[in-house]
N, C-alpha and C. Protein backbone atom coordinates (compact mmCIF):
# COMPACT_ATOMS: atom_id res chain seq x y z
N MET A 1 0.86 -1.17 0.00
CA MET A 1 0.00 0.00 0.00
C MET A 1 0.90 1.23 0.00
N CYS A 2 0.62 2.18 -0.86
CA CYS A 2 1.38 3.43 -0.91
C CYS A 2 0.48 4.57 -0.44
N ILE A 3 1.03 5.43 0.41
CA ILE A 3 0.31 6.60 0.89
C ILE A 3 1.18 7.82 0.67
N GLN A 4 0.55 8.97 0.55
CA GLN A 4 1.29 10.20 0.36
C GLN A 4 1.49 10.85 1.72
N ASN A 5 2.75 11.14 2.07
CA ASN A 5 3.00 11.77 3.35
C ASN A 5 2.91 13.29 3.23
N THR A 6 3.17 13.99 4.32
CA THR A 6 2.99 15.45 4.32
C THR A 6 3.93 16.19 3.39
N SER A 7 5.06 15.58 3.01
CA SER A 7 5.97 16.23 2.07
C SER A 7 5.63 15.86 0.63
N ARG A 8 4.46 15.28 0.44
CA ARG A 8 3.93 14.91 -0.87
C ARG A 8 4.72 13.80 -1.57
N LYS A 9 5.48 13.05 -0.79
CA LYS A 9 6.19 11.89 -1.33
C LYS A 9 5.38 10.65 -1.01
N SER A 10 5.37 9.71 -1.94
CA SER A 10 4.68 8.45 -1.68
C SER A 10 5.58 7.54 -0.86
N VAL A 11 4.99 6.96 0.16
CA VAL A 11 5.69 6.01 1.01
C VAL A 11 4.95 4.68 0.88
N CYS A 12 5.68 3.63 0.49
CA CYS A 12 5.06 2.32 0.35
C CYS A 12 5.36 1.48 1.58
N ARG A 13 4.32 0.85 2.11
CA ARG A 13 4.47 0.02 3.31
C ARG A 13 3.99 -1.38 3.00
N GLN A 14 4.68 -2.35 3.57
CA GLN A 14 4.23 -3.73 3.49
C GLN A 14 3.03 -3.86 4.41
N MET A 15 1.91 -4.35 3.89
CA MET A 15 0.68 -4.43 4.66
C MET A 15 0.23 -5.88 4.78
N ALA A 16 -0.46 -6.16 5.88
CA ALA A 16 -1.04 -7.49 6.11
C ALA A 16 -2.51 -7.30 6.47
N HIS A 17 -3.32 -8.31 6.18
CA HIS A 17 -4.72 -8.28 6.61
C HIS A 17 -4.81 -8.87 8.00
N ILE A 18 -5.63 -8.24 8.82
CA ILE A 18 -5.90 -8.75 10.15
C ILE A 18 -7.41 -8.76 10.35
N PHE A 19 -7.91 -9.77 11.03
CA PHE A 19 -9.34 -9.92 11.30
C PHE A 19 -9.53 -9.78 12.80
N VAL A 20 -10.36 -8.81 13.20
CA VAL A 20 -10.65 -8.59 14.61
C VAL A 20 -12.11 -8.93 14.88
N TYR A 21 -12.37 -9.63 15.96
CA TYR A 21 -13.71 -10.13 16.27
C TYR A 21 -14.22 -9.67 17.63
N GLY A 22 -13.39 -8.96 18.40
CA GLY A 22 -13.75 -8.63 19.78
C GLY A 22 -13.65 -7.16 20.11
N THR A 23 -12.86 -6.85 21.13
CA THR A 23 -12.81 -5.48 21.66
C THR A 23 -12.09 -4.50 20.75
N LEU A 24 -11.44 -4.97 19.68
CA LEU A 24 -10.77 -4.06 18.75
C LEU A 24 -11.68 -3.56 17.63
N LYS A 25 -12.88 -4.12 17.51
CA LYS A 25 -13.81 -3.68 16.47
C LYS A 25 -14.30 -2.26 16.73
N ARG A 26 -14.80 -1.63 15.68
CA ARG A 26 -15.39 -0.30 15.81
C ARG A 26 -16.52 -0.35 16.84
N GLY A 27 -16.60 0.67 17.71
CA GLY A 27 -17.64 0.74 18.72
C GLY A 27 -17.37 -0.09 19.96
N GLN A 28 -16.22 -0.77 20.00
CA GLN A 28 -15.88 -1.62 21.14
C GLN A 28 -14.78 -0.96 21.98
N PRO A 29 -14.59 -1.42 23.22
CA PRO A 29 -13.75 -0.71 24.19
C PRO A 29 -12.30 -0.47 23.80
N ASN A 30 -11.68 -1.32 22.99
CA ASN A 30 -10.27 -1.13 22.65
C ASN A 30 -10.03 -0.66 21.22
N HIS A 31 -11.09 -0.24 20.55
CA HIS A 31 -10.93 0.16 19.14
C HIS A 31 -9.98 1.34 18.97
N GLU A 32 -9.87 2.20 19.97
CA GLU A 32 -9.02 3.38 19.83
C GLU A 32 -7.57 3.02 19.51
N VAL A 33 -7.09 1.84 19.90
CA VAL A 33 -5.71 1.48 19.58
C VAL A 33 -5.52 1.29 18.07
N MET A 34 -6.59 0.95 17.37
CA MET A 34 -6.52 0.80 15.91
C MET A 34 -6.42 2.16 15.22
N LEU A 35 -6.86 3.20 15.90
CA LEU A 35 -6.86 4.55 15.33
C LEU A 35 -5.61 5.36 15.67
N ASP A 36 -4.82 4.89 16.63
CA ASP A 36 -3.66 5.61 17.12
C ASP A 36 -2.47 5.37 16.20
N HIS A 37 -2.13 6.36 15.39
CA HIS A 37 -1.05 6.22 14.41
C HIS A 37 0.32 6.07 15.05
N SER A 38 0.46 6.36 16.34
CA SER A 38 1.75 6.13 17.00
C SER A 38 2.03 4.63 17.10
N HIS A 39 1.00 3.79 16.95
CA HIS A 39 1.17 2.34 16.97
C HIS A 39 1.45 1.79 15.57
N GLY A 40 1.24 2.61 14.54
CA GLY A 40 1.36 2.17 13.16
C GLY A 40 0.08 2.48 12.42
N LEU A 41 -0.07 1.89 11.26
CA LEU A 41 -1.21 2.18 10.39
C LEU A 41 -2.17 1.01 10.36
N ALA A 42 -3.45 1.30 10.54
CA ALA A 42 -4.52 0.30 10.40
C ALA A 42 -5.63 0.95 9.58
N VAL A 43 -5.98 0.31 8.46
CA VAL A 43 -7.00 0.83 7.57
C VAL A 43 -8.16 -0.17 7.51
N PHE A 44 -9.36 0.29 7.89
CA PHE A 44 -10.54 -0.56 7.83
C PHE A 44 -10.82 -0.90 6.37
N ARG A 45 -11.03 -2.21 6.09
CA ARG A 45 -11.33 -2.65 4.73
C ARG A 45 -12.74 -3.20 4.58
N GLY A 46 -13.29 -3.76 5.65
CA GLY A 46 -14.63 -4.29 5.52
C GLY A 46 -15.01 -5.23 6.65
N ARG A 47 -16.15 -5.86 6.44
CA ARG A 47 -16.65 -6.84 7.41
C ARG A 47 -16.53 -8.22 6.81
N GLY A 48 -16.37 -9.20 7.69
CA GLY A 48 -16.25 -10.57 7.20
C GLY A 48 -16.60 -11.57 8.29
N CYS A 49 -16.46 -12.83 7.95
CA CYS A 49 -16.65 -13.91 8.93
C CYS A 49 -15.69 -15.03 8.57
N THR A 50 -15.28 -15.76 9.58
CA THR A 50 -14.35 -16.87 9.34
C THR A 50 -15.01 -17.88 8.41
N VAL A 51 -14.23 -18.45 7.50
CA VAL A 51 -14.75 -19.48 6.60
C VAL A 51 -15.08 -20.74 7.40
N GLU A 52 -14.18 -21.11 8.30
CA GLU A 52 -14.43 -22.26 9.19
C GLU A 52 -15.13 -21.77 10.45
N SER A 53 -15.81 -22.67 11.12
CA SER A 53 -16.44 -22.32 12.39
C SER A 53 -15.44 -22.52 13.53
N PHE A 54 -15.59 -21.67 14.56
CA PHE A 54 -14.76 -21.71 15.76
C PHE A 54 -15.62 -21.32 16.96
N PRO A 55 -15.27 -21.82 18.15
CA PRO A 55 -15.95 -21.34 19.35
C PRO A 55 -15.44 -19.93 19.72
N LEU A 56 -16.35 -18.99 19.84
CA LEU A 56 -16.04 -17.66 20.37
C LEU A 56 -16.75 -17.60 21.72
N VAL A 57 -15.97 -17.50 22.80
CA VAL A 57 -16.53 -17.48 24.14
C VAL A 57 -16.15 -16.19 24.84
N ILE A 58 -16.91 -15.86 25.86
CA ILE A 58 -16.61 -14.72 26.73
C ILE A 58 -16.27 -15.34 28.08
N ALA A 59 -15.02 -15.13 28.52
CA ALA A 59 -14.57 -15.88 29.69
C ALA A 59 -13.57 -15.09 30.53
N GLY A 60 -13.32 -15.64 31.71
CA GLY A 60 -12.35 -15.07 32.63
C GLY A 60 -12.96 -13.98 33.49
N GLU A 61 -12.21 -13.54 34.47
CA GLU A 61 -12.72 -12.55 35.41
C GLU A 61 -13.00 -11.19 34.78
N HIS A 62 -12.44 -10.93 33.58
CA HIS A 62 -12.64 -9.63 32.92
C HIS A 62 -13.58 -9.72 31.73
N ASN A 63 -14.22 -10.88 31.53
CA ASN A 63 -15.19 -11.08 30.43
C ASN A 63 -14.58 -10.72 29.08
N ILE A 64 -13.49 -11.36 28.78
CA ILE A 64 -12.76 -11.13 27.53
C ILE A 64 -13.28 -12.10 26.45
N PRO A 65 -13.45 -11.62 25.21
CA PRO A 65 -13.82 -12.53 24.12
C PRO A 65 -12.59 -13.33 23.68
N TRP A 66 -12.77 -14.62 23.54
CA TRP A 66 -11.68 -15.52 23.15
C TRP A 66 -12.14 -16.39 21.99
N LEU A 67 -11.32 -16.46 20.96
CA LEU A 67 -11.56 -17.39 19.86
C LEU A 67 -10.72 -18.63 20.15
N LEU A 68 -11.39 -19.75 20.42
CA LEU A 68 -10.69 -20.99 20.71
C LEU A 68 -10.31 -21.66 19.40
N TYR A 69 -9.05 -22.04 19.27
CA TYR A 69 -8.62 -22.65 18.01
C TYR A 69 -9.06 -24.12 17.99
N LEU A 70 -10.33 -24.30 17.66
CA LEU A 70 -10.94 -25.62 17.50
C LEU A 70 -11.76 -25.59 16.22
N PRO A 71 -11.08 -25.63 15.05
CA PRO A 71 -11.80 -25.55 13.77
C PRO A 71 -12.90 -26.60 13.68
N GLY A 72 -14.06 -26.18 13.18
CA GLY A 72 -15.18 -27.09 13.00
C GLY A 72 -16.18 -27.07 14.14
N LYS A 73 -15.83 -26.45 15.27
CA LYS A 73 -16.77 -26.31 16.39
C LYS A 73 -17.28 -24.87 16.41
N GLY A 74 -18.45 -24.65 16.95
CA GLY A 74 -18.95 -23.29 17.13
C GLY A 74 -19.60 -22.73 15.88
N HIS A 75 -19.26 -21.48 15.57
CA HIS A 75 -19.89 -20.74 14.48
C HIS A 75 -18.83 -20.11 13.59
N CYS A 76 -19.25 -19.71 12.39
CA CYS A 76 -18.42 -18.81 11.59
C CYS A 76 -18.51 -17.46 12.30
N VAL A 77 -17.39 -16.94 12.74
CA VAL A 77 -17.33 -15.77 13.61
C VAL A 77 -17.26 -14.50 12.78
N ALA A 78 -18.12 -13.53 13.10
CA ALA A 78 -18.17 -12.25 12.39
C ALA A 78 -17.20 -11.25 13.00
N GLY A 79 -16.65 -10.40 12.15
CA GLY A 79 -15.73 -9.36 12.62
C GLY A 79 -15.39 -8.38 11.52
N GLU A 80 -14.27 -7.71 11.69
CA GLU A 80 -13.83 -6.67 10.77
C GLU A 80 -12.44 -6.98 10.23
N ILE A 81 -12.22 -6.58 8.98
CA ILE A 81 -10.95 -6.80 8.31
C ILE A 81 -10.23 -5.46 8.18
N TYR A 82 -8.96 -5.45 8.57
CA TYR A 82 -8.11 -4.27 8.48
C TYR A 82 -6.85 -4.62 7.71
N GLU A 83 -6.28 -3.62 7.05
CA GLU A 83 -4.93 -3.72 6.54
C GLU A 83 -4.05 -3.00 7.54
N VAL A 84 -2.98 -3.65 7.99
CA VAL A 84 -2.09 -3.05 8.98
C VAL A 84 -0.65 -3.13 8.49
N ASP A 85 0.15 -2.15 8.89
CA ASP A 85 1.57 -2.19 8.55
C ASP A 85 2.31 -3.00 9.60
N GLU A 86 3.59 -3.22 9.36
CA GLU A 86 4.41 -4.05 10.25
C GLU A 86 4.47 -3.48 11.67
N GLN A 87 4.54 -2.16 11.78
CA GLN A 87 4.59 -1.53 13.11
C GLN A 87 3.31 -1.82 13.90
N MET A 88 2.14 -1.71 13.27
CA MET A 88 0.87 -2.00 13.94
C MET A 88 0.78 -3.48 14.27
N LEU A 89 1.24 -4.33 13.37
CA LEU A 89 1.21 -5.77 13.64
C LEU A 89 2.05 -6.11 14.87
N ARG A 90 3.23 -5.52 14.98
CA ARG A 90 4.07 -5.75 16.17
C ARG A 90 3.38 -5.21 17.42
N PHE A 91 2.75 -4.02 17.31
CA PHE A 91 2.02 -3.46 18.45
C PHE A 91 0.89 -4.41 18.88
N LEU A 92 0.10 -4.90 17.90
CA LEU A 92 -1.02 -5.78 18.22
C LEU A 92 -0.53 -7.09 18.84
N ASP A 93 0.60 -7.62 18.37
CA ASP A 93 1.17 -8.81 19.00
C ASP A 93 1.41 -8.56 20.48
N ASP A 94 2.00 -7.42 20.80
CA ASP A 94 2.26 -7.07 22.19
C ASP A 94 0.96 -6.83 22.95
N PHE A 95 0.04 -6.08 22.35
CA PHE A 95 -1.24 -5.76 22.97
C PHE A 95 -2.03 -7.02 23.31
N GLU A 96 -1.97 -8.01 22.42
CA GLU A 96 -2.71 -9.26 22.60
C GLU A 96 -1.93 -10.32 23.40
N GLY A 97 -0.73 -9.97 23.85
CA GLY A 97 0.05 -10.92 24.64
C GLY A 97 0.50 -12.12 23.83
N CYS A 98 0.87 -11.88 22.60
CA CYS A 98 1.28 -12.96 21.69
C CYS A 98 2.78 -13.21 21.88
N PRO A 99 3.20 -14.43 22.08
CA PRO A 99 2.49 -15.68 21.91
C PRO A 99 2.03 -16.35 23.22
N SER A 100 2.15 -15.71 24.37
CA SER A 100 1.80 -16.40 25.62
C SER A 100 0.29 -16.48 25.87
N THR A 101 -0.45 -15.39 25.62
CA THR A 101 -1.89 -15.38 25.87
C THR A 101 -2.66 -15.76 24.62
N TYR A 102 -2.34 -15.10 23.52
CA TYR A 102 -2.95 -15.38 22.23
C TYR A 102 -1.86 -15.84 21.28
N GLN A 103 -2.27 -16.54 20.24
CA GLN A 103 -1.38 -16.87 19.14
C GLN A 103 -1.92 -16.20 17.89
N ARG A 104 -1.02 -15.71 17.04
CA ARG A 104 -1.45 -15.11 15.77
C ARG A 104 -1.37 -16.18 14.70
N ILE A 105 -2.51 -16.48 14.11
CA ILE A 105 -2.59 -17.52 13.09
C ILE A 105 -3.19 -16.93 11.82
N ALA A 106 -2.99 -17.59 10.70
CA ALA A 106 -3.59 -17.16 9.43
C ALA A 106 -4.82 -18.01 9.16
N LEU A 107 -5.93 -17.34 8.87
CA LEU A 107 -7.20 -18.01 8.55
C LEU A 107 -7.81 -17.38 7.31
N GLN A 108 -8.67 -18.13 6.65
CA GLN A 108 -9.46 -17.58 5.55
C GLN A 108 -10.70 -16.91 6.13
N VAL A 109 -10.97 -15.69 5.66
CA VAL A 109 -12.13 -14.92 6.09
C VAL A 109 -12.98 -14.60 4.87
N ARG A 110 -14.26 -14.90 4.95
CA ARG A 110 -15.20 -14.60 3.86
C ARG A 110 -15.58 -13.13 3.95
N VAL A 111 -15.47 -12.43 2.84
CA VAL A 111 -15.82 -11.01 2.78
C VAL A 111 -17.34 -10.86 2.74
N LEU A 112 -17.88 -10.06 3.66
CA LEU A 112 -19.30 -9.75 3.66
C LEU A 112 -19.56 -8.37 3.07
N GLU A 113 -18.62 -7.46 3.32
CA GLU A 113 -18.72 -6.07 2.86
C GLU A 113 -17.28 -5.58 2.73
N TRP A 114 -16.94 -4.92 1.61
CA TRP A 114 -15.54 -4.55 1.38
C TRP A 114 -15.44 -3.16 0.79
N GLU A 115 -14.47 -2.40 1.27
CA GLU A 115 -14.15 -1.09 0.70
C GLU A 115 -12.93 -1.28 -0.19
N GLY A 116 -13.15 -1.56 -1.44
CA GLY A 116 -12.02 -1.79 -2.34
C GLY A 116 -12.37 -2.80 -3.41
N ALA A 117 -11.37 -3.59 -3.81
CA ALA A 117 -11.50 -4.45 -4.98
C ALA A 117 -12.21 -5.78 -4.73
N ASN A 118 -12.19 -6.29 -3.51
CA ASN A 118 -12.80 -7.59 -3.27
C ASN A 118 -14.32 -7.49 -3.31
N ASP A 119 -14.94 -8.59 -3.73
CA ASP A 119 -16.40 -8.66 -3.79
C ASP A 119 -16.91 -9.47 -2.61
N PRO A 120 -18.14 -9.15 -2.15
CA PRO A 120 -18.74 -10.00 -1.12
C PRO A 120 -18.76 -11.45 -1.59
N GLY A 121 -18.43 -12.35 -0.70
CA GLY A 121 -18.36 -13.76 -1.04
C GLY A 121 -16.93 -14.23 -1.29
N ASP A 122 -16.04 -13.31 -1.70
CA ASP A 122 -14.63 -13.66 -1.84
C ASP A 122 -14.08 -13.99 -0.46
N SER A 123 -12.95 -14.63 -0.42
CA SER A 123 -12.29 -14.82 0.87
C SER A 123 -10.88 -14.24 0.79
N VAL A 124 -10.38 -13.85 1.94
CA VAL A 124 -9.06 -13.24 2.04
C VAL A 124 -8.35 -13.88 3.24
N GLN A 125 -7.05 -14.09 3.09
CA GLN A 125 -6.29 -14.64 4.21
C GLN A 125 -5.97 -13.51 5.18
N CYS A 126 -6.26 -13.73 6.45
CA CYS A 126 -6.05 -12.73 7.49
C CYS A 126 -5.34 -13.34 8.68
N PHE A 127 -4.60 -12.52 9.39
CA PHE A 127 -4.11 -12.93 10.70
C PHE A 127 -5.23 -12.74 11.69
N VAL A 128 -5.33 -13.68 12.63
CA VAL A 128 -6.36 -13.67 13.68
C VAL A 128 -5.67 -14.06 14.98
N TYR A 129 -6.09 -13.44 16.07
CA TYR A 129 -5.57 -13.83 17.39
C TYR A 129 -6.54 -14.83 18.02
N SER A 130 -6.02 -16.04 18.25
CA SER A 130 -6.82 -17.07 18.92
C SER A 130 -6.09 -17.44 20.22
N THR A 131 -6.76 -18.20 21.06
CA THR A 131 -6.17 -18.53 22.35
C THR A 131 -5.03 -19.52 22.20
N ALA A 132 -3.99 -19.25 22.97
CA ALA A 132 -2.87 -20.18 23.04
C ALA A 132 -3.20 -21.30 24.03
N THR A 133 -3.85 -20.94 25.12
CA THR A 133 -4.29 -21.92 26.13
C THR A 133 -5.61 -21.42 26.72
N TYR A 134 -6.38 -22.34 27.26
CA TYR A 134 -7.65 -21.96 27.88
C TYR A 134 -8.06 -23.03 28.88
N ALA A 135 -8.91 -22.61 29.80
CA ALA A 135 -9.41 -23.54 30.81
C ALA A 135 -10.38 -24.53 30.15
N PRO A 136 -10.32 -25.80 30.52
CA PRO A 136 -11.19 -26.81 29.90
C PRO A 136 -12.68 -26.47 30.00
N GLU A 137 -13.09 -25.79 31.07
CA GLU A 137 -14.52 -25.46 31.23
C GLU A 137 -15.00 -24.44 30.20
N TRP A 138 -14.08 -23.73 29.53
CA TRP A 138 -14.49 -22.78 28.50
C TRP A 138 -15.20 -23.47 27.35
N LEU A 139 -14.92 -24.75 27.15
CA LEU A 139 -15.58 -25.50 26.08
C LEU A 139 -17.09 -25.62 26.31
N PHE A 140 -17.52 -25.43 27.54
CA PHE A 140 -18.94 -25.59 27.88
C PHE A 140 -19.66 -24.24 27.99
N LEU A 141 -18.96 -23.14 27.72
CA LEU A 141 -19.58 -21.82 27.70
C LEU A 141 -20.37 -21.64 26.41
N PRO A 142 -21.31 -20.69 26.38
CA PRO A 142 -22.02 -20.42 25.12
C PRO A 142 -21.05 -19.96 24.03
N TYR A 143 -21.28 -20.44 22.81
CA TYR A 143 -20.49 -20.02 21.64
C TYR A 143 -21.26 -18.90 20.94
N HIS A 144 -20.54 -17.83 20.61
CA HIS A 144 -21.16 -16.65 19.99
C HIS A 144 -20.74 -16.55 18.52
N GLU A 145 -21.63 -16.00 17.70
CA GLU A 145 -21.30 -15.73 16.30
C GLU A 145 -20.60 -14.40 16.14
N SER A 146 -20.92 -13.46 17.03
CA SER A 146 -20.28 -12.15 17.01
C SER A 146 -20.20 -11.64 18.44
N TYR A 147 -19.39 -10.61 18.62
CA TYR A 147 -19.16 -10.06 19.96
C TYR A 147 -19.54 -8.60 20.01
N ASP A 148 -20.20 -8.23 21.09
CA ASP A 148 -20.49 -6.84 21.43
C ASP A 148 -20.33 -6.76 22.95
N SER A 149 -19.47 -5.86 23.41
CA SER A 149 -19.18 -5.78 24.84
C SER A 149 -20.42 -5.49 25.67
N GLU A 150 -21.46 -4.93 25.05
CA GLU A 150 -22.69 -4.64 25.77
C GLU A 150 -23.86 -5.44 25.23
N GLY A 151 -23.55 -6.62 24.69
CA GLY A 151 -24.56 -7.46 24.07
C GLY A 151 -25.49 -8.12 25.07
N PRO A 152 -26.45 -8.89 24.56
CA PRO A 152 -27.46 -9.52 25.41
C PRO A 152 -26.91 -10.60 26.34
N HIS A 153 -25.64 -10.97 26.17
CA HIS A 153 -25.02 -11.97 27.04
C HIS A 153 -24.89 -11.47 28.48
N GLY A 154 -24.89 -10.12 28.68
CA GLY A 154 -24.81 -9.55 30.02
C GLY A 154 -23.45 -9.63 30.67
N LEU A 155 -22.42 -9.97 29.92
CA LEU A 155 -21.07 -10.10 30.46
C LEU A 155 -20.25 -8.88 30.06
N ARG A 156 -20.30 -7.84 30.86
CA ARG A 156 -19.61 -6.58 30.55
C ARG A 156 -18.10 -6.76 30.61
N TYR A 157 -17.45 -6.32 29.57
CA TYR A 157 -15.98 -6.34 29.50
C TYR A 157 -15.42 -5.38 30.53
N ASN A 158 -14.39 -5.81 31.23
CA ASN A 158 -13.70 -4.96 32.20
C ASN A 158 -12.43 -4.42 31.53
N PRO A 159 -12.44 -3.12 31.18
CA PRO A 159 -11.29 -2.53 30.46
C PRO A 159 -10.00 -2.63 31.26
N ARG A 160 -8.89 -2.67 30.53
CA ARG A 160 -7.55 -2.79 31.14
C ARG A 160 -7.31 -1.72 32.20
N GLU A 161 -7.76 -0.51 31.93
CA GLU A 161 -7.50 0.58 32.88
C GLU A 161 -8.22 0.41 34.21
N ASN A 162 -9.21 -0.48 34.28
CA ASN A 162 -9.94 -0.72 35.52
C ASN A 162 -9.44 -1.96 36.28
N ARG A 163 -8.47 -2.64 35.76
CA ARG A 163 -8.01 -3.89 36.40
C ARG A 163 -6.97 -3.64 37.45
């Protein structure tokens, strides 16, 4: 992706697709980190859902959304697709506690709505943060198709600043 900087020169950056399904989505408690250019560049590209189904649970004392890496269980999970530069990808790895808390994996995501060249129904390979480890009882929690911190599940997310 090439962008024009303030001196009117084009700067080309290596970009990767990332799929966010939880607190990093627009309107969710941690979305502001996606907008903070001091972390790098993140450009919203559209909405999508995982091609494979996975369990998305809300768990732990802070009601955090977790994508359990168990392909074929749960639902096709809905979220947002972003293009991010290497600096933002490194920031997100740190933010998500990768690789100890989450692991960054590549998954196929079906495009539902796209700002650009892809058509709905196409799929794109994206990095996704899934759980590296989880408590066995999480397998028995409700599986969600999408996440909203104030959704009908009644499990309010406890922001980092309040912990």
